[in-house]
Amino acid sequence: MSLINRFISEQGKILSRRINRLTLKQQRLITLAIKQARILSFLPFRNYENEKQFQAQSISIITGSRPRKNRHIPQLTEKYNSNQNLRNNNRNLSSDC
């Protein structure tokens, strides 16, 4: 079980191949072993103790005040406005005919 626990995150998720530094074949075998251990009740499907701590941290991050980034890009809005003006002028011309 200590070997299998090395390949599981604190929340009980299976870690990716890149983090584990395993080959594809090894990752498949580890995944099968973890799933079998969960079915046989050697491992929980979720780690509720760490999940509660994780949720508390994420809620504090979400509710905390952060300054918003200024997403105004003048070059794009000027280009957009000029395109809008051209469309409106074309509509006015077509309605006059």
PDB file of N, CA and C in Angstrom:
ATOM      1  N   MET A   1       0.826  -1.195   0.000  1.00  0.00           N
ATOM      2  CA  MET A   1       0.000   0.000   0.000  1.00  0.00           C
ATOM      3  C   MET A   1       0.872   1.262   0.000  1.00  0.00           C
ATOM      4  N   SER A   2       2.017   1.213   0.652  1.00  0.00           N
ATOM      5  CA  SER A   2       2.875   2.403   0.662  1.00  0.00           C
ATOM      6  C   SER A   2       3.407   2.704  -0.732  1.00  0.00           C
ATOM      7  N   LEU A   3       3.612   1.670  -1.534  1.00  0.00           N
ATOM      8  CA  LEU A   3       4.060   1.875  -2.917  1.00  0.00           C
ATOM      9  C   LEU A   3       2.959   2.537  -3.743  1.00  0.00           C
ATOM     10  N   ILE A   4       1.741   2.064  -3.587  1.00  0.00           N
ATOM     11  CA  ILE A   4       0.617   2.616  -4.353  1.00  0.00           C
ATOM     12  C   ILE A   4       0.322   4.046  -3.913  1.00  0.00           C
ATOM     13  N   ASN A   5       0.471   4.352  -2.627  1.00  0.00           N
ATOM     14  CA  ASN A   5       0.191   5.697  -2.131  1.00  0.00           C
ATOM     15  C   ASN A   5       1.116   6.753  -2.726  1.00  0.00           C
ATOM     16  N   ARG A   6       2.278   6.354  -3.220  1.00  0.00           N
ATOM     17  CA  ARG A   6       3.184   7.313  -3.851  1.00  0.00           C
ATOM     18  C   ARG A   6       2.617   7.874  -5.144  1.00  0.00           C
ATOM     19  N   PHE A   7       1.691   7.158  -5.764  1.00  0.00           N
ATOM     20  CA  PHE A   7       1.151   7.549  -7.070  1.00  0.00           C
ATOM     21  C   PHE A   7      -0.231   8.192  -6.964  1.00  0.00           C
ATOM     22  N   ILE A   8      -0.632   8.553  -5.744  1.00  0.00           N
ATOM     23  CA  ILE A   8      -1.945   9.162  -5.522  1.00  0.00           C
ATOM     24  C   ILE A   8      -1.735  10.526  -4.866  1.00  0.00           C
ATOM     25  N   SER A   9      -2.528  11.522  -5.299  1.00  0.00           N
ATOM     26  CA  SER A   9      -2.430  12.859  -4.721  1.00  0.00           C
ATOM     27  C   SER A   9      -3.097  12.878  -3.348  1.00  0.00           C
ATOM     28  N   GLU A  10      -3.013  14.037  -2.683  1.00  0.00           N
ATOM     29  CA  GLU A  10      -3.624  14.174  -1.359  1.00  0.00           C
ATOM     30  C   GLU A  10      -5.139  14.057  -1.418  1.00  0.00           C
ATOM     31  N   GLN A  11      -5.733  14.441  -2.557  1.00  0.00           N
ATOM     32  CA  GLN A  11      -7.183  14.345  -2.707  1.00  0.00           C
ATOM     33  C   GLN A  11      -7.638  12.947  -3.111  1.00  0.00           C
ATOM     34  N   GLY A  12      -6.690  12.054  -3.389  1.00  0.00           N
ATOM     35  CA  GLY A  12      -7.027  10.689  -3.759  1.00  0.00           C
ATOM     36  C   GLY A  12      -7.054  10.468  -5.255  1.00  0.00           C
ATOM     37  N   LYS A  13      -6.566  11.430  -6.033  1.00  0.00           N
ATOM     38  CA  LYS A  13      -6.552  11.294  -7.486  1.00  0.00           C
ATOM     39  C   LYS A  13      -5.261  10.620  -7.938  1.00  0.00           C
ATOM     40  N   ILE A  14      -5.342   9.908  -9.048  1.00  0.00           N
ATOM     41  CA  ILE A  14      -4.172   9.263  -9.618  1.00  0.00           C
ATOM     42  C   ILE A  14      -3.320  10.337 -10.290  1.00  0.00           C
ATOM     43  N   LEU A  15      -2.047  10.381  -9.938  1.00  0.00           N
ATOM     44  CA  LEU A  15      -1.146  11.373 -10.514  1.00  0.00           C
ATOM     45  C   LEU A  15      -0.807  11.021 -11.959  1.00  0.00           C
ATOM     46  N   SER A  16      -0.500  12.035 -12.747  1.00  0.00           N
ATOM     47  CA  SER A  16      -0.226  11.815 -14.171  1.00  0.00           C
ATOM     48  C   SER A  16       1.135  11.161 -14.382  1.00  0.00           C
ATOM     49  N   ARG A  17       1.327  10.715 -15.598  1.00  0.00           N
ATOM     50  CA  ARG A  17       2.562  10.049 -15.981  1.00  0.00           C
ATOM     51  C   ARG A  17       3.763  10.970 -15.863  1.00  0.00           C
ATOM     52  N   ARG A  18       3.562  12.228 -16.205  1.00  0.00           N
ATOM     53  CA  ARG A  18       4.673  13.181 -16.171  1.00  0.00           C
ATOM     54  C   ARG A  18       5.147  13.427 -14.747  1.00  0.00           C
ATOM     55  N   ILE A  19       4.220  13.472 -13.821  1.00  0.00           N
ATOM     56  CA  ILE A  19       4.593  13.689 -12.422  1.00  0.00           C
ATOM     57  C   ILE A  19       5.264  12.441 -11.859  1.00  0.00           C
ATOM     58  N   ASN A  20       4.725  11.274 -12.195  1.00  0.00           N
ATOM     59  CA  ASN A  20       5.266  10.019 -11.684  1.00  0.00           C
ATOM     60  C   ASN A  20       6.544   9.595 -12.389  1.00  0.00           C
ATOM     61  N   ARG A  21       6.770  10.148 -13.581  1.00  0.00           N
ATOM     62  CA  ARG A  21       7.913   9.755 -14.421  1.00  0.00           C
ATOM     63  C   ARG A  21       7.893   8.267 -14.711  1.00  0.00           C
ATOM     64  N   LEU A  22       6.751   7.811 -15.201  1.00  0.00           N
ATOM     65  CA  LEU A  22       6.586   6.414 -15.561  1.00  0.00           C
ATOM     66  C   LEU A  22       6.401   6.284 -17.067  1.00  0.00           C
ATOM     67  N   THR A  23       6.663   5.092 -17.564  1.00  0.00           N
ATOM     68  CA  THR A  23       6.354   4.825 -18.965  1.00  0.00           C
ATOM     69  C   THR A  23       4.851   4.579 -19.078  1.00  0.00           C
ATOM     70  N   LEU A  24       4.365   4.544 -20.309  1.00  0.00           N
ATOM     71  CA  LEU A  24       2.938   4.328 -20.523  1.00  0.00           C
ATOM     72  C   LEU A  24       2.493   2.974 -19.956  1.00  0.00           C
ATOM     73  N   LYS A  25       3.297   1.957 -20.177  1.00  0.00           N
ATOM     74  CA  LYS A  25       2.969   0.615 -19.690  1.00  0.00           C
ATOM     75  C   LYS A  25       2.930   0.584 -18.156  1.00  0.00           C
ATOM     76  N   GLN A  26       3.907   1.236 -17.519  1.00  0.00           N
ATOM     77  CA  GLN A  26       3.948   1.277 -16.059  1.00  0.00           C
ATOM     78  C   GLN A  26       2.758   2.049 -15.493  1.00  0.00           C
ATOM     79  N   GLN A  27       2.398   3.167 -16.162  1.00  0.00           N
ATOM     80  CA  GLN A  27       1.259   3.960 -15.691  1.00  0.00           C
ATOM     81  C   GLN A  27      -0.030   3.167 -15.767  1.00  0.00           C
ATOM     82  N   ARG A  28      -0.204   2.406 -16.829  1.00  0.00           N
ATOM     83  CA  ARG A  28      -1.410   1.572 -16.948  1.00  0.00           C
ATOM     84  C   ARG A  28      -1.472   0.535 -15.832  1.00  0.00           C
ATOM     85  N   LEU A  29      -0.335  -0.077 -15.519  1.00  0.00           N
ATOM     86  CA  LEU A  29      -0.313  -1.076 -14.450  1.00  0.00           C
ATOM     87  C   LEU A  29      -0.599  -0.438 -13.093  1.00  0.00           C
ATOM     88  N   ILE A  30      -0.041   0.739 -12.840  1.00  0.00           N
ATOM     89  CA  ILE A  30      -0.306   1.439 -11.580  1.00  0.00           C
ATOM     90  C   ILE A  30      -1.779   1.810 -11.478  1.00  0.00           C
ATOM     91  N   THR A  31      -2.348   2.304 -12.595  1.00  0.00           N
ATOM     92  CA  THR A  31      -3.760   2.674 -12.604  1.00  0.00           C
ATOM     93  C   THR A  31      -4.637   1.474 -12.293  1.00  0.00           C
ATOM     94  N   LEU A  32      -4.338   0.338 -12.896  1.00  0.00           N
ATOM     95  CA  LEU A  32      -5.103  -0.889 -12.610  1.00  0.00           C
ATOM     96  C   LEU A  32      -4.957  -1.293 -11.140  1.00  0.00           C
ATOM     97  N   ALA A  33      -3.748  -1.203 -10.610  1.00  0.00           N
ATOM     98  CA  ALA A  33      -3.523  -1.576  -9.208  1.00  0.00           C
ATOM     99  C   ALA A  33      -4.294  -0.651  -8.266  1.00  0.00           C
ATOM    100  N   ILE A  34      -4.309   0.638  -8.573  1.00  0.00           N
ATOM    101  CA  ILE A  34      -5.037   1.595  -7.728  1.00  0.00           C
ATOM    102  C   ILE A  34      -6.536   1.319  -7.781  1.00  0.00           C
ATOM    103  N   LYS A  35      -7.050   1.073  -8.976  1.00  0.00           N
ATOM    104  CA  LYS A  35      -8.483   0.804  -9.113  1.00  0.00           C
ATOM    105  C   LYS A  35      -8.872  -0.497  -8.407  1.00  0.00           C
ATOM    106  N   GLN A  36      -8.034  -1.511  -8.508  1.00  0.00           N
ATOM    107  CA  GLN A  36      -8.319  -2.765  -7.808  1.00  0.00           C
ATOM    108  C   GLN A  36      -8.265  -2.563  -6.297  1.00  0.00           C
ATOM    109  N   ALA A  37      -7.306  -1.770  -5.814  1.00  0.00           N
ATOM    110  CA  ALA A  37      -7.207  -1.505  -4.376  1.00  0.00           C
ATOM    111  C   ALA A  37      -8.432  -0.746  -3.879  1.00  0.00           C
ATOM    112  N   ARG A  38      -8.960   0.143  -4.696  1.00  0.00           N
ATOM    113  CA  ARG A  38     -10.170   0.873  -4.309  1.00  0.00           C
ATOM    114  C   ARG A  38     -11.363  -0.066  -4.238  1.00  0.00           C
ATOM    115  N   ILE A  39     -11.478  -0.952  -5.215  1.00  0.00           N
ATOM    116  CA  ILE A  39     -12.601  -1.901  -5.234  1.00  0.00           C
ATOM    117  C   ILE A  39     -12.520  -2.849  -4.041  1.00  0.00           C
ATOM    118  N   LEU A  40     -11.305  -3.270  -3.687  1.00  0.00           N
ATOM    119  CA  LEU A  40     -11.114  -4.186  -2.566  1.00  0.00           C
ATOM    120  C   LEU A  40     -11.081  -3.470  -1.215  1.00  0.00           C
ATOM    121  N   SER A  41     -11.337  -2.172  -1.211  1.00  0.00           N
ATOM    122  CA  SER A  41     -11.413  -1.336  -0.002  1.00  0.00           C
ATOM    123  C   SER A  41     -10.070  -1.162   0.700  1.00  0.00           C
ATOM    124  N   PHE A  42      -8.984  -1.313  -0.014  1.00  0.00           N
ATOM    125  CA  PHE A  42      -7.685  -0.999   0.563  1.00  0.00           C
ATOM    126  C   PHE A  42      -7.424   0.506   0.496  1.00  0.00           C
ATOM    127  N   LEU A  43      -8.004   1.146  -0.515  1.00  0.00           N
ATOM    128  CA  LEU A  43      -7.879   2.601  -0.691  1.00  0.00           C
ATOM    129  C   LEU A  43      -9.269   3.204  -0.788  1.00  0.00           C
ATOM    130  N   PRO A  44      -9.454   4.402  -0.242  1.00  0.00           N
ATOM    131  CA  PRO A  44     -10.750   5.069  -0.417  1.00  0.00           C
ATOM    132  C   PRO A  44     -10.847   5.660  -1.824  1.00  0.00           C
ATOM    133  N   PHE A  45     -12.071   5.817  -2.313  1.00  0.00           N
ATOM    134  CA  PHE A  45     -12.264   6.458  -3.604  1.00  0.00           C
ATOM    135  C   PHE A  45     -11.954   7.944  -3.498  1.00  0.00           C
ATOM    136  N   ARG A  46     -12.212   8.526  -2.320  1.00  0.00           N
ATOM    137  CA  ARG A  46     -11.904   9.924  -2.055  1.00  0.00           C
ATOM    138  C   ARG A  46     -11.292  10.026  -0.677  1.00  0.00           C
ATOM    139  N   ASN A  47     -10.437  11.025  -0.509  1.00  0.00           N
ATOM    140  CA  ASN A  47      -9.867  11.286   0.799  1.00  0.00           C
ATOM    141  C   ASN A  47     -10.610  12.484   1.383  1.00  0.00           C
ATOM    142  N   TYR A  48     -11.625  12.213   2.193  1.00  0.00           N
ATOM    143  CA  TYR A  48     -12.522  13.259   2.678  1.00  0.00           C
ATOM    144  C   TYR A  48     -11.836  14.243   3.625  1.00  0.00           C
ATOM    145  N   GLU A  49     -10.869  13.780   4.422  1.00  0.00           N
ATOM    146  CA  GLU A  49     -10.201  14.678   5.367  1.00  0.00           C
ATOM    147  C   GLU A  49      -9.424  15.754   4.620  1.00  0.00           C
ATOM    148  N   ASN A  50      -8.623  15.354   3.660  1.00  0.00           N
ATOM    149  CA  ASN A  50      -7.849  16.329   2.895  1.00  0.00           C
ATOM    150  C   ASN A  50      -8.739  17.128   1.963  1.00  0.00           C
ATOM    151  N   GLU A  51      -9.842  16.532   1.511  1.00  0.00           N
ATOM    152  CA  GLU A  51     -10.758  17.241   0.617  1.00  0.00           C
ATOM    153  C   GLU A  51     -11.424  18.411   1.331  1.00  0.00           C
ATOM    154  N   LYS A  52     -11.773  18.232   2.605  1.00  0.00           N
ATOM    155  CA  LYS A  52     -12.378  19.326   3.374  1.00  0.00           C
ATOM    156  C   LYS A  52     -11.395  20.480   3.528  1.00  0.00           C
ATOM    157  N   GLN A  53     -10.129  20.162   3.791  1.00  0.00           N
ATOM    158  CA  GLN A  53      -9.110  21.210   3.900  1.00  0.00           C
ATOM    159  C   GLN A  53      -8.925  21.904   2.562  1.00  0.00           C
ATOM    160  N   PHE A  54      -8.915  21.131   1.486  1.00  0.00           N
ATOM    161  CA  PHE A  54      -8.741  21.686   0.149  1.00  0.00           C
ATOM    162  C   PHE A  54      -9.905  22.609  -0.202  1.00  0.00           C
ATOM    163  N   GLN A  55     -11.138  22.207   0.139  1.00  0.00           N
ATOM    164  CA  GLN A  55     -12.301  23.042  -0.139  1.00  0.00           C
ATOM    165  C   GLN A  55     -12.255  24.333   0.674  1.00  0.00           C
ATOM    166  N   ALA A  56     -11.834  24.246   1.918  1.00  0.00           N
ATOM    167  CA  ALA A  56     -11.742  25.441   2.752  1.00  0.00           C
ATOM    168  C   ALA A  56     -10.725  26.421   2.177  1.00  0.00           C
ATOM    169  N   GLN A  57      -9.609  25.913   1.671  1.00  0.00           N
ATOM    170  CA  GLN A  57      -8.602  26.778   1.064  1.00  0.00           C
ATOM    171  C   GLN A  57      -9.129  27.412  -0.209  1.00  0.00           C
ATOM    172  N   SER A  58      -9.816  26.620  -1.038  1.00  0.00           N
ATOM    173  CA  SER A  58     -10.311  27.163  -2.305  1.00  0.00           C
ATOM    174  C   SER A  58     -11.411  28.191  -2.066  1.00  0.00           C
ATOM    175  N   ILE A  59     -12.235  27.999  -1.034  1.00  0.00           N
ATOM    176  CA  ILE A  59     -13.285  28.979  -0.729  1.00  0.00           C
ATOM    177  C   ILE A  59     -12.654  30.276  -0.255  1.00  0.00           C
ATOM    178  N   SER A  60     -11.614  30.195   0.560  1.00  0.00           N
ATOM    179  CA  SER A  60     -10.962  31.425   1.030  1.00  0.00           C
ATOM    180  C   SER A  60     -10.287  32.146  -0.130  1.00  0.00           C
ATOM    181  N   ILE A  61      -9.795  31.407  -1.088  1.00  0.00           N
ATOM    182  CA  ILE A  61      -9.180  32.029  -2.260  1.00  0.00           C
ATOM    183  C   ILE A  61     -10.245  32.718  -3.097  1.00  0.00           C
ATOM    184  N   ILE A  62     -11.396  32.079  -3.262  1.00  0.00           N
ATOM    185  CA  ILE A  62     -12.465  32.633  -4.089  1.00  0.00           C
ATOM    186  C   ILE A  62     -13.066  33.875  -3.441  1.00  0.00           C
ATOM    187  N   THR A  63     -13.315  33.830  -2.131  1.00  0.00           N
ATOM    188  CA  THR A  63     -13.971  34.943  -1.455  1.00  0.00           C
ATOM    189  C   THR A  63     -13.022  36.094  -1.173  1.00  0.00           C
ATOM    190  N   GLY A  64     -11.719  35.852  -1.185  1.00  0.00           N
ATOM    191  CA  GLY A  64     -10.760  36.925  -0.931  1.00  0.00           C
ATOM    192  C   GLY A  64     -10.813  37.961  -2.048  1.00  0.00           C
ATOM    193  N   SER A  65     -10.581  39.234  -1.700  1.00  0.00           N
ATOM    194  CA  SER A  65     -10.655  40.282  -2.705  1.00  0.00           C
ATOM    195  C   SER A  65      -9.326  40.382  -3.434  1.00  0.00           C
ATOM    196  N   ARG A  66      -9.412  40.407  -4.743  1.00  0.00           N
ATOM    197  CA  ARG A  66      -8.242  40.572  -5.589  1.00  0.00           C
ATOM    198  C   ARG A  66      -8.527  41.694  -6.564  1.00  0.00           C
ATOM    199  N   PRO A  67      -7.523  42.475  -6.904  1.00  0.00           N
ATOM    200  CA  PRO A  67      -7.755  43.498  -7.916  1.00  0.00           C
ATOM    201  C   PRO A  67      -7.966  42.845  -9.274  1.00  0.00           C
ATOM    202  N   ARG A  68      -8.920  43.353 -10.027  1.00  0.00           N
ATOM    203  CA  ARG A  68      -9.201  42.807 -11.347  1.00  0.00           C
ATOM    204  C   ARG A  68      -8.211  43.343 -12.350  1.00  0.00           C
ATOM    205  N   LYS A  69      -7.879  42.525 -13.303  1.00  0.00           N
ATOM    206  CA  LYS A  69      -6.972  42.949 -14.352  1.00  0.00           C
ATOM    207  C   LYS A  69      -7.723  43.828 -15.340  1.00  0.00           C
ATOM    208  N   ASN A  70      -7.043  44.819 -15.843  1.00  0.00           N
ATOM    209  CA  ASN A  70      -7.632  45.690 -16.845  1.00  0.00           C
ATOM    210  C   ASN A  70      -7.536  44.993 -18.193  1.00  0.00           C
ATOM    211  N   ARG A  71      -8.656  44.569 -18.704  1.00  0.00           N
ATOM    212  CA  ARG A  71      -8.671  43.799 -19.944  1.00  0.00           C
ATOM    213  C   ARG A  71      -8.931  44.679 -21.169  1.00  0.00           C
ATOM    214  N   HIS A  72      -8.935  45.987 -20.974  1.00  0.00           N
ATOM    215  CA  HIS A  72      -9.193  46.901 -22.067  1.00  0.00           C
ATOM    216  C   HIS A  72      -7.960  46.991 -22.962  1.00  0.00           C
ATOM    217  N   ILE A  73      -8.122  46.631 -24.224  1.00  0.00           N
ATOM    218  CA  ILE A  73      -7.038  46.706 -25.183  1.00  0.00           C
ATOM    219  C   ILE A  73      -7.444  47.734 -26.227  1.00  0.00           C
ATOM    220  N   PRO A  74      -6.849  48.919 -26.211  1.00  0.00           N
ATOM    221  CA  PRO A  74      -7.314  49.996 -27.086  1.00  0.00           C
ATOM    222  C   PRO A  74      -7.181  49.687 -28.569  1.00  0.00           C
ATOM    223  N   GLN A  75      -6.124  48.963 -28.977  1.00  0.00           N
ATOM    224  CA  GLN A  75      -5.938  48.692 -30.395  1.00  0.00           C
ATOM    225  C   GLN A  75      -7.094  47.873 -30.959  1.00  0.00           C
ATOM    226  N   LEU A  76      -7.508  46.868 -30.208  1.00  0.00           N
ATOM    227  CA  LEU A  76      -8.578  45.998 -30.686  1.00  0.00           C
ATOM    228  C   LEU A  76      -9.919  46.716 -30.687  1.00  0.00           C
ATOM    229  N   THR A  77     -10.184  47.518 -29.670  1.00  0.00           N
ATOM    230  CA  THR A  77     -11.478  48.203 -29.613  1.00  0.00           C
ATOM    231  C   THR A  77     -11.579  49.262 -30.701  1.00  0.00           C
ATOM    232  N   GLU A  78     -10.470  49.945 -31.020  1.00  0.00           N
ATOM    233  CA  GLU A  78     -10.494  50.929 -32.099  1.00  0.00           C
ATOM    234  C   GLU A  78     -10.776  50.252 -33.434  1.00  0.00           C
ATOM    235  N   LYS A  79     -10.129  49.102 -33.648  1.00  0.00           N
ATOM    236  CA  LYS A  79     -10.338  48.364 -34.889  1.00  0.00           C
ATOM    237  C   LYS A  79     -11.787  47.883 -34.972  1.00  0.00           C
ATOM    238  N   TYR A  80     -12.315  47.394 -33.839  1.00  0.00           N
ATOM    239  CA  TYR A  80     -13.689  46.920 -33.797  1.00  0.00           C
ATOM    240  C   TYR A  80     -14.661  48.063 -34.085  1.00  0.00           C
ATOM    241  N   ASN A  81     -14.425  49.216 -33.472  1.00  0.00           N
ATOM    242  CA  ASN A  81     -15.306  50.363 -33.676  1.00  0.00           C
ATOM    243  C   ASN A  81     -15.276  50.843 -35.120  1.00  0.00           C
ATOM    244  N   SER A  82     -14.102  50.843 -35.746  1.00  0.00           N
ATOM    245  CA  SER A  82     -14.029  51.273 -37.144  1.00  0.00           C
ATOM    246  C   SER A  82     -14.774  50.287 -38.040  1.00  0.00           C
ATOM    247  N   ASN A  83     -14.687  48.991 -37.740  1.00  0.00           N
ATOM    248  CA  ASN A  83     -15.431  47.990 -38.517  1.00  0.00           C
ATOM    249  C   ASN A  83     -16.933  48.156 -38.319  1.00  0.00           C
ATOM    250  N   GLN A  84     -17.363  48.479 -37.095  1.00  0.00           N
ATOM    251  CA  GLN A  84     -18.780  48.707 -36.817  1.00  0.00           C
ATOM    252  C   GLN A  84     -19.288  49.915 -37.610  1.00  0.00           C
ATOM    253  N   ASN A  85     -18.492  50.971 -37.637  1.00  0.00           N
ATOM    254  CA  ASN A  85     -18.892  52.171 -38.378  1.00  0.00           C
ATOM    255  C   ASN A  85     -19.039  51.875 -39.863  1.00  0.00           C
ATOM    256  N   LEU A  86     -18.123  51.094 -40.418  1.00  0.00           N
ATOM    257  CA  LEU A  86     -18.221  50.729 -41.837  1.00  0.00           C
ATOM    258  C   LEU A  86     -19.490  49.934 -42.112  1.00  0.00           C
ATOM    259  N   ARG A  87     -19.810  48.990 -41.225  1.00  0.00           N
ATOM    260  CA  ARG A  87     -21.031  48.190 -41.408  1.00  0.00           C
ATOM    261  C   ARG A  87     -22.277  49.070 -41.343  1.00  0.00           C
ATOM    262  N   ASN A  88     -22.304  49.990 -40.375  1.00  0.00           N
ATOM    263  CA  ASN A  88     -23.456  50.879 -40.241  1.00  0.00           C
ATOM    264  C   ASN A  88     -23.605  51.771 -41.478  1.00  0.00           C
ATOM    265  N   ASN A  89     -22.496  52.275 -42.006  1.00  0.00           N
ATOM    266  CA  ASN A  89     -22.539  53.097 -43.210  1.00  0.00           C
ATOM    267  C   ASN A  89     -23.054  52.294 -44.399  1.00  0.00           C
ATOM    268  N   ASN A  90     -22.612  51.043 -44.500  1.00  0.00           N
ATOM    269  CA  ASN A  90     -23.088  50.193 -45.600  1.00  0.00           C
ATOM    270  C   ASN A  90     -24.574  49.927 -45.482  1.00  0.00           C
ATOM    271  N   ARG A  91     -25.062  49.724 -44.253  1.00  0.00           N
ATOM    272  CA  ARG A  91     -26.499  49.500 -44.059  1.00  0.00           C
ATOM    273  C   ARG A  91     -27.300  50.731 -44.443  1.00  0.00           C
ATOM    274  N   ASN A  92     -26.789  51.890 -44.069  1.00  0.00           N
ATOM    275  CA  ASN A  92     -27.491  53.129 -44.404  1.00  0.00           C
ATOM    276  C   ASN A  92     -27.538  53.340 -45.906  1.00  0.00           C
ATOM    277  N   LEU A  93     -26.462  53.001 -46.592  1.00  0.00           N
ATOM    278  CA  LEU A  93     -26.429  53.147 -48.045  1.00  0.00           C
ATOM    279  C   LEU A  93     -27.394  52.197 -48.722  1.00  0.00           C
ATOM    280  N   SER A  94     -27.451  50.960 -48.204  1.00  0.00           N
ATOM    281  CA  SER A  94     -28.344  49.974 -48.822  1.00  0.00           C
ATOM    282  C   SER A  94     -29.821  50.302 -48.562  1.00  0.00           C
ATOM    283  N   SER A  95     -30.119  50.924 -47.422  1.00  0.00           N
ATOM    284  CA  SER A  95     -31.503  51.282 -47.129  1.00  0.00           C
ATOM    285  C   SER A  95     -31.958  52.479 -47.958  1.00  0.00           C
ATOM    286  N   ASP A  96     -31.015  53.326 -48.396  1.00  0.00           N
ATOM    287  CA  ASP A  96     -31.355  54.478 -49.224  1.00  0.00           C
ATOM    288  C   ASP A  96     -31.770  54.076 -50.641  1.00  0.00           C
ATOM    289  N   CYS A  97     -31.291  52.930 -51.106  1.00  0.00           N
ATOM    290  CA  CYS A  97     -31.571  52.500 -52.489  1.00  0.00           C
ATOM    291  C   CYS A  97     -32.949  52.018 -52.678  1.00  0.00           C
TER     292      CYS A  97
END
